[in-house]
Amino acid sequence: MRESLTRLGHFDPQRVRERLSRGFNPAHARHILRDGDLVGFVVVIPRPGDMLLDHLYIHPSAQGEGIGGWVMRRVLAEADARAMPMSVTALKHTAAARFYERHGFILEAEGEWDLYFRRPAHPASDH
C-alpha cells in the first residue's frame, strides 16, 4: 500500500498507522502463512447484513504469488456459506480496486480517497 500512496503523493506514515490501529480488530484477524512464515494477515468482521473485509495485507516479498487470490477465495467461500454479502474499501487508483473487481465486487460509491465495493451474497450450492 505504501507504494500506491507514495505514487499518489499521499503517503503519511502516521496516518497509515492511525487508520490501521483505529479499525484493527484482533478478534477477527488471521495470519497468512507461506511455508510456515508469516507473510500477511486478513481481518473479516461479521456485521448485521454483511461481512466486512477490513484488511488484507500481503508483505511485498510475498506479493505476486497468488496468495491474495487464495485468501480471497477462502474469505468469499465463508461469506457464501453464510449467504452474506461482503463489503470492502480500497484506495483510489490502486491495483486493489482491480483485484476486488476480479473477485466479483461491484463499485457502490466513491469518496475523496476511497472506493466502496460490495459483493452480493452467493449462497452456497447444495450440488
Protein backbone atom coordinates (compact mmCIF):
# COMPACT_ATOMS: atom_id res chain seq x y z
CA MET A 1 0.00 0.00 0.00
CA ARG A 2 2.91 2.33 0.69
CA GLU A 3 3.93 2.21 -2.98
CA SER A 4 0.42 3.21 -4.10
CA LEU A 5 0.14 6.01 -1.55
CA THR A 6 3.61 7.33 -2.42
CA ARG A 7 2.79 7.28 -6.15
CA LEU A 8 -0.35 9.30 -5.43
CA GLY A 9 1.55 11.72 -3.19
CA HIS A 10 -0.50 10.73 -0.13
CA PHE A 11 1.86 8.57 1.93
CA ASP A 12 1.88 9.68 5.55
CA PRO A 13 3.24 7.02 7.94
CA GLN A 14 1.36 8.47 10.91
CA ARG A 15 -1.97 8.45 9.04
CA VAL A 16 -1.38 4.86 7.88
CA ARG A 17 -0.67 3.72 11.47
CA GLU A 18 -3.73 5.58 12.78
CA ARG A 19 -6.01 4.09 10.12
CA LEU A 20 -4.81 0.57 10.84
CA SER A 21 -4.94 0.88 14.63
CA ARG A 22 -8.32 2.64 14.62
CA GLY A 23 -10.05 -0.16 12.79
CA PHE A 24 -7.90 -3.18 13.59
CA ASN A 25 -9.90 -5.87 15.35
CA PRO A 26 -7.59 -8.67 16.56
CA ALA A 27 -10.54 -10.92 17.41
CA HIS A 28 -11.25 -11.22 13.68
CA ALA A 29 -7.65 -11.25 12.43
CA ARG A 30 -5.98 -14.29 10.89
CA HIS A 31 -2.35 -14.78 9.97
CA ILE A 32 -1.39 -15.69 6.43
CA LEU A 33 1.47 -18.16 6.35
CA ARG A 34 3.64 -19.35 3.46
CA ASP A 35 5.79 -22.37 4.26
CA GLY A 36 5.36 -21.58 7.96
CA ASP A 37 6.45 -17.94 7.61
CA LEU A 38 4.12 -15.06 8.38
CA VAL A 39 3.55 -13.14 5.12
CA GLY A 40 0.38 -11.22 5.92
CA PHE A 41 -2.94 -11.03 7.66
CA VAL A 42 -6.62 -10.75 6.88
CA VAL A 43 -9.39 -9.25 9.01
CA VAL A 44 -13.00 -10.15 8.23
CA ILE A 45 -15.65 -8.70 10.54
CA PRO A 46 -19.16 -10.17 10.58
CA ARG A 47 -21.76 -7.40 10.77
CA PRO A 48 -25.54 -7.37 10.68
CA GLY A 49 -26.37 -7.71 7.00
CA ASP A 50 -22.88 -8.32 5.60
CA MET A 51 -19.27 -9.21 6.25
CA LEU A 52 -16.57 -6.53 6.12
CA LEU A 53 -13.19 -7.35 4.60
CA ASP A 54 -11.46 -4.80 6.79
CA HIS A 55 -7.83 -5.61 5.99
CA LEU A 56 -6.00 -7.86 3.56
CA TYR A 57 -2.26 -7.37 3.74
CA ILE A 58 0.38 -9.43 1.97
CA HIS A 59 4.02 -8.48 2.59
CA PRO A 60 5.66 -7.17 -0.61
CA SER A 61 8.12 -10.10 -0.58
CA ALA A 62 5.16 -12.48 -0.99
CA GLN A 63 3.07 -10.46 -3.45
CA GLY A 64 2.57 -11.70 -6.99
CA GLU A 65 2.47 -15.37 -5.95
CA GLY A 66 -1.31 -15.78 -5.88
CA ILE A 67 -1.54 -15.69 -2.09
CA GLY A 68 -4.00 -12.79 -2.08
CA GLY A 69 -6.27 -14.58 -4.55
CA TRP A 70 -6.12 -17.78 -2.48
CA VAL A 71 -7.03 -15.85 0.69
CA MET A 72 -9.83 -14.02 -1.13
CA ARG A 73 -11.35 -17.26 -2.40
CA ARG A 74 -11.38 -18.65 1.17
CA VAL A 75 -12.93 -15.48 2.60
CA LEU A 76 -15.60 -15.43 -0.11
CA ALA A 77 -16.34 -19.11 0.45
CA GLU A 78 -17.02 -18.28 4.11
CA ALA A 79 -19.36 -15.46 3.08
CA ASP A 80 -21.09 -17.80 0.62
CA ALA A 81 -21.53 -20.45 3.33
CA ARG A 82 -23.35 -17.81 5.39
CA ALA A 83 -25.18 -16.42 2.32
CA MET A 84 -23.82 -13.00 3.25
CA PRO A 85 -22.67 -10.14 1.02
CA MET A 86 -19.18 -8.76 1.60
CA SER A 87 -18.05 -5.14 1.69
CA VAL A 88 -14.55 -3.71 1.23
CA THR A 89 -12.95 -0.29 0.84
CA ALA A 90 -10.00 0.31 -1.49
CA LEU A 91 -7.79 3.30 -2.08
CA LYS A 92 -8.50 5.00 -5.41
CA HIS A 93 -6.09 4.48 -8.32
CA THR A 94 -4.56 1.27 -6.97
CA ALA A 95 -4.33 -2.33 -8.10
CA ALA A 96 -6.51 -3.29 -5.12
CA ALA A 97 -9.63 -1.98 -6.86
CA ARG A 98 -8.98 -4.18 -9.90
CA PHE A 99 -8.24 -7.14 -7.61
CA TYR A 100 -11.60 -6.77 -5.86
CA GLU A 101 -13.48 -6.36 -9.15
CA ARG A 102 -11.88 -9.60 -10.43
CA HIS A 103 -13.33 -11.32 -7.38
CA GLY A 104 -16.87 -10.14 -8.04
CA PHE A 105 -17.02 -6.91 -6.06
CA ILE A 106 -19.09 -4.09 -7.53
CA LEU A 107 -18.29 -0.43 -7.02
CA GLU A 108 -21.09 1.16 -4.99
CA ALA A 109 -19.69 4.58 -4.03
CA GLU A 110 -16.64 6.82 -4.18
CA GLY A 111 -15.17 9.04 -1.51
CA GLU A 112 -12.36 11.57 -1.71
CA TRP A 113 -9.67 8.89 -1.35
CA ASP A 114 -11.54 5.60 -1.30
CA LEU A 115 -13.74 3.32 -3.38
CA TYR A 116 -16.51 1.36 -1.65
CA PHE A 117 -17.22 -2.09 -3.05
CA ARG A 118 -19.77 -4.78 -2.27
CA ARG A 119 -20.03 -8.36 -3.43
CA PRO A 120 -23.59 -9.69 -3.40
CA ALA A 121 -24.38 -12.82 -1.44
CA HIS A 122 -23.77 -16.02 -3.39
CA PRO A 123 -25.47 -18.71 -1.34
CA ALA A 124 -23.51 -21.95 -1.29
CA SER A 125 -24.96 -24.56 -3.61
CA ASP A 126 -26.07 -27.95 -2.34
CA HIS A 127 -24.85 -29.62 -5.56
